[in-house]
Every structure is written in structure tokens, then in C-alpha cells.
Amino acid sequence: MAEQVRLRSLQQNGSDDGTGAALLDRFGVEEDVRWRWGVCVRARLCGVYALRPRWAELVQRLLSEVDGMLARG
């Protein structure tokens, strides 16, 4: 749900408004779990939105985030 909230913010505002992170904070989700889930969901969203030319910029952003997250491992 947190990644979905974050995605909506990116789509509507072009930036992450922090609502997704605040949700995870509220429920005390550990950083390692956030990282794993974030990588999986964002990579999946790249595939879904890559089929929609309208969201090419969003796909590039998500792909860059996934690459960065995996590099930090």
C-alpha cells in the first residue's frame, strides 16, 4: 500500500510527498523489509508502466531508483 501511495504522488505531483514513508514509519516497518519490498514493487511497476508511453518519464525514474537501491544492496 505504501508503494501505491507513493506512486500516486509521483503520478500526480511528479515527486514523492513522503506519505508512503510516513505510513511505513507509523507501522514500524524495518528498513530491510522496506528495501526488499521497494525494489520488488518498483521493478514490477517499471514493467507495467513501460507498456504505456505516457509514463515513460515515470518508468525512467523508477528504473533509476531500482538501480540505485540494488547498487547499495
N, C-alpha and C. Protein backbone atom coordinates (compact mmCIF):
# COMPACT_ATOMS: atom_id res chain seq x y z
N MET A 1 0.82 -1.18 0.00
CA MET A 1 0.00 0.00 0.00
C MET A 1 0.87 1.26 0.00
N ALA A 2 1.96 1.23 0.74
CA ALA A 2 2.84 2.40 0.80
C ALA A 2 3.42 2.74 -0.57
N GLU A 3 3.80 1.73 -1.34
CA GLU A 3 4.34 1.98 -2.68
C GLU A 3 3.25 2.51 -3.60
N GLN A 4 2.01 2.07 -3.41
CA GLN A 4 0.91 2.58 -4.23
C GLN A 4 0.65 4.06 -3.92
N VAL A 5 0.69 4.41 -2.64
CA VAL A 5 0.51 5.81 -2.24
C VAL A 5 1.63 6.66 -2.84
N ARG A 6 2.84 6.15 -2.79
CA ARG A 6 3.99 6.85 -3.36
C ARG A 6 3.84 7.02 -4.87
N LEU A 7 3.39 5.96 -5.54
CA LEU A 7 3.19 6.01 -6.98
C LEU A 7 2.17 7.09 -7.35
N ARG A 8 1.09 7.17 -6.63
CA ARG A 8 0.07 8.19 -6.92
C ARG A 8 0.64 9.60 -6.79
N SER A 9 1.46 9.79 -5.79
CA SER A 9 2.09 11.10 -5.60
C SER A 9 3.01 11.42 -6.78
N LEU A 10 3.78 10.43 -7.22
CA LEU A 10 4.66 10.63 -8.37
C LEU A 10 3.86 10.95 -9.62
N GLN A 11 2.75 10.26 -9.82
CA GLN A 11 1.93 10.49 -11.00
C GLN A 11 1.26 11.86 -10.96
N GLN A 12 0.77 12.25 -9.82
CA GLN A 12 0.01 13.50 -9.73
C GLN A 12 0.89 14.73 -9.57
N ASN A 13 1.98 14.60 -8.81
CA ASN A 13 2.80 15.76 -8.48
C ASN A 13 4.19 15.73 -9.10
N GLY A 14 4.59 14.57 -9.60
CA GLY A 14 5.93 14.44 -10.14
C GLY A 14 7.00 14.27 -9.09
N SER A 15 6.58 14.15 -7.83
CA SER A 15 7.54 13.97 -6.74
C SER A 15 6.93 13.11 -5.64
N ASP A 16 7.81 12.58 -4.82
CA ASP A 16 7.40 11.76 -3.68
C ASP A 16 7.08 12.70 -2.53
N ASP A 17 5.84 12.69 -2.08
CA ASP A 17 5.45 13.60 -0.99
C ASP A 17 5.71 13.03 0.40
N GLY A 18 6.26 11.82 0.47
CA GLY A 18 6.62 11.23 1.75
C GLY A 18 5.51 10.49 2.47
N THR A 19 4.32 10.45 1.87
CA THR A 19 3.19 9.78 2.52
C THR A 19 3.43 8.28 2.67
N GLY A 20 4.00 7.66 1.66
CA GLY A 20 4.29 6.22 1.74
C GLY A 20 5.27 5.91 2.85
N ALA A 21 6.32 6.70 2.96
CA ALA A 21 7.31 6.50 4.02
C ALA A 21 6.68 6.74 5.40
N ALA A 22 5.82 7.74 5.49
CA ALA A 22 5.15 8.03 6.76
C ALA A 22 4.27 6.84 7.18
N LEU A 23 3.63 6.21 6.22
CA LEU A 23 2.81 5.04 6.51
C LEU A 23 3.67 3.91 7.06
N LEU A 24 4.81 3.67 6.42
CA LEU A 24 5.71 2.62 6.90
C LEU A 24 6.27 2.96 8.27
N ASP A 25 6.58 4.22 8.51
CA ASP A 25 7.04 4.66 9.83
C ASP A 25 5.98 4.37 10.88
N ARG A 26 4.77 4.71 10.56
CA ARG A 26 3.65 4.55 11.50
C ARG A 26 3.49 3.11 11.95
N PHE A 27 3.72 2.18 11.01
CA PHE A 27 3.56 0.76 11.33
C PHE A 27 4.88 0.10 11.74
N GLY A 28 5.94 0.88 11.84
CA GLY A 28 7.22 0.36 12.33
C GLY A 28 7.87 -0.67 11.43
N VAL A 29 7.71 -0.51 10.12
CA VAL A 29 8.31 -1.46 9.18
C VAL A 29 9.82 -1.23 9.12
N GLU A 30 10.57 -2.30 9.32
CA GLU A 30 12.04 -2.21 9.36
C GLU A 30 12.62 -1.83 8.00
N GLU A 31 13.76 -1.18 8.03
CA GLU A 31 14.41 -0.68 6.82
C GLU A 31 14.71 -1.79 5.81
N ASP A 32 15.15 -2.95 6.29
CA ASP A 32 15.46 -4.05 5.39
C ASP A 32 14.22 -4.52 4.64
N VAL A 33 13.11 -4.59 5.31
CA VAL A 33 11.85 -5.00 4.68
C VAL A 33 11.41 -3.94 3.68
N ARG A 34 11.55 -2.68 4.04
CA ARG A 34 11.20 -1.59 3.13
C ARG A 34 12.03 -1.68 1.85
N TRP A 35 13.32 -1.94 2.02
CA TRP A 35 14.22 -2.01 0.87
C TRP A 35 13.81 -3.16 -0.06
N ARG A 36 13.62 -4.35 0.51
CA ARG A 36 13.26 -5.51 -0.31
C ARG A 36 11.94 -5.30 -1.05
N TRP A 37 10.96 -4.84 -0.30
CA TRP A 37 9.65 -4.64 -0.91
C TRP A 37 9.71 -3.52 -1.95
N GLY A 38 10.41 -2.46 -1.63
CA GLY A 38 10.54 -1.33 -2.55
C GLY A 38 11.17 -1.74 -3.87
N VAL A 39 12.23 -2.52 -3.81
CA VAL A 39 12.88 -2.99 -5.04
C VAL A 39 11.91 -3.82 -5.88
N CYS A 40 11.24 -4.77 -5.24
CA CYS A 40 10.32 -5.65 -5.98
C CYS A 40 9.17 -4.88 -6.61
N VAL A 41 8.53 -4.03 -5.83
CA VAL A 41 7.37 -3.30 -6.34
C VAL A 41 7.77 -2.31 -7.43
N ARG A 42 8.85 -1.58 -7.22
CA ARG A 42 9.26 -0.59 -8.22
C ARG A 42 9.70 -1.27 -9.52
N ALA A 43 10.38 -2.41 -9.42
CA ALA A 43 10.78 -3.14 -10.62
C ALA A 43 9.53 -3.63 -11.37
N ARG A 44 8.56 -4.12 -10.64
CA ARG A 44 7.31 -4.56 -11.25
C ARG A 44 6.60 -3.40 -11.94
N LEU A 45 6.55 -2.26 -11.28
CA LEU A 45 5.90 -1.09 -11.86
C LEU A 45 6.60 -0.64 -13.14
N CYS A 46 7.92 -0.81 -13.21
CA CYS A 46 8.65 -0.49 -14.44
C CYS A 46 8.08 -1.29 -15.61
N GLY A 47 7.87 -2.58 -15.37
CA GLY A 47 7.33 -3.44 -16.42
C GLY A 47 5.92 -3.06 -16.82
N VAL A 48 5.09 -2.76 -15.85
CA VAL A 48 3.70 -2.40 -16.12
C VAL A 48 3.61 -1.08 -16.88
N TYR A 49 4.32 -0.07 -16.38
CA TYR A 49 4.21 1.26 -16.99
C TYR A 49 5.05 1.41 -18.25
N ALA A 50 5.99 0.51 -18.49
CA ALA A 50 6.78 0.56 -19.73
C ALA A 50 5.89 0.34 -20.95
N LEU A 51 4.76 -0.30 -20.75
CA LEU A 51 3.82 -0.55 -21.85
C LEU A 51 2.94 0.66 -22.16
N ARG A 52 3.11 1.72 -21.38
CA ARG A 52 2.29 2.92 -21.55
C ARG A 52 3.21 4.11 -21.85
N PRO A 53 3.31 4.50 -23.09
CA PRO A 53 4.23 5.59 -23.47
C PRO A 53 4.04 6.88 -22.66
N ARG A 54 2.84 7.13 -22.22
CA ARG A 54 2.56 8.33 -21.44
C ARG A 54 3.41 8.40 -20.17
N TRP A 55 3.79 7.25 -19.64
CA TRP A 55 4.51 7.21 -18.37
C TRP A 55 6.00 6.92 -18.54
N ALA A 56 6.56 7.24 -19.70
CA ALA A 56 7.98 6.96 -19.97
C ALA A 56 8.90 7.63 -18.94
N GLU A 57 8.60 8.85 -18.57
CA GLU A 57 9.43 9.55 -17.58
C GLU A 57 9.34 8.88 -16.20
N LEU A 58 8.15 8.44 -15.83
CA LEU A 58 7.97 7.74 -14.56
C LEU A 58 8.75 6.43 -14.56
N VAL A 59 8.70 5.71 -15.67
CA VAL A 59 9.44 4.44 -15.79
C VAL A 59 10.93 4.68 -15.61
N GLN A 60 11.46 5.71 -16.23
CA GLN A 60 12.89 6.01 -16.09
C GLN A 60 13.24 6.34 -14.64
N ARG A 61 12.38 7.07 -13.97
CA ARG A 61 12.62 7.39 -12.56
C ARG A 61 12.62 6.11 -11.71
N LEU A 62 11.60 5.28 -11.88
CA LEU A 62 11.52 4.03 -11.12
C LEU A 62 12.72 3.13 -11.40
N LEU A 63 13.10 3.03 -12.68
CA LEU A 63 14.25 2.21 -13.06
C LEU A 63 15.53 2.72 -12.39
N SER A 64 15.70 4.02 -12.39
CA SER A 64 16.86 4.62 -11.74
C SER A 64 16.86 4.33 -10.24
N GLU A 65 15.69 4.41 -9.63
CA GLU A 65 15.59 4.10 -8.20
C GLU A 65 15.94 2.65 -7.91
N VAL A 66 15.43 1.74 -8.74
CA VAL A 66 15.73 0.31 -8.56
C VAL A 66 17.22 0.07 -8.72
N ASP A 67 17.82 0.65 -9.76
CA ASP A 67 19.26 0.50 -9.97
C ASP A 67 20.05 1.00 -8.75
N GLY A 68 19.67 2.16 -8.26
CA GLY A 68 20.35 2.73 -7.09
C GLY A 68 20.18 1.87 -5.85
N MET A 69 18.97 1.37 -5.66
CA MET A 69 18.71 0.53 -4.48
C MET A 69 19.52 -0.77 -4.54
N LEU A 70 19.58 -1.37 -5.73
CA LEU A 70 20.34 -2.61 -5.87
C LEU A 70 21.84 -2.37 -5.72
N ALA A 71 22.31 -1.24 -6.20
CA ALA A 71 23.74 -0.91 -6.08
C ALA A 71 24.14 -0.75 -4.61
N ARG A 72 23.23 -0.20 -3.82
CA ARG A 72 23.52 -0.04 -2.39
C ARG A 72 23.40 -1.35 -1.63
N GLY A 73 22.55 -2.25 -2.21
CA GLY A 73 22.32 -3.58 -1.67
C GLY A 73 22.25 -3.67 -0.25
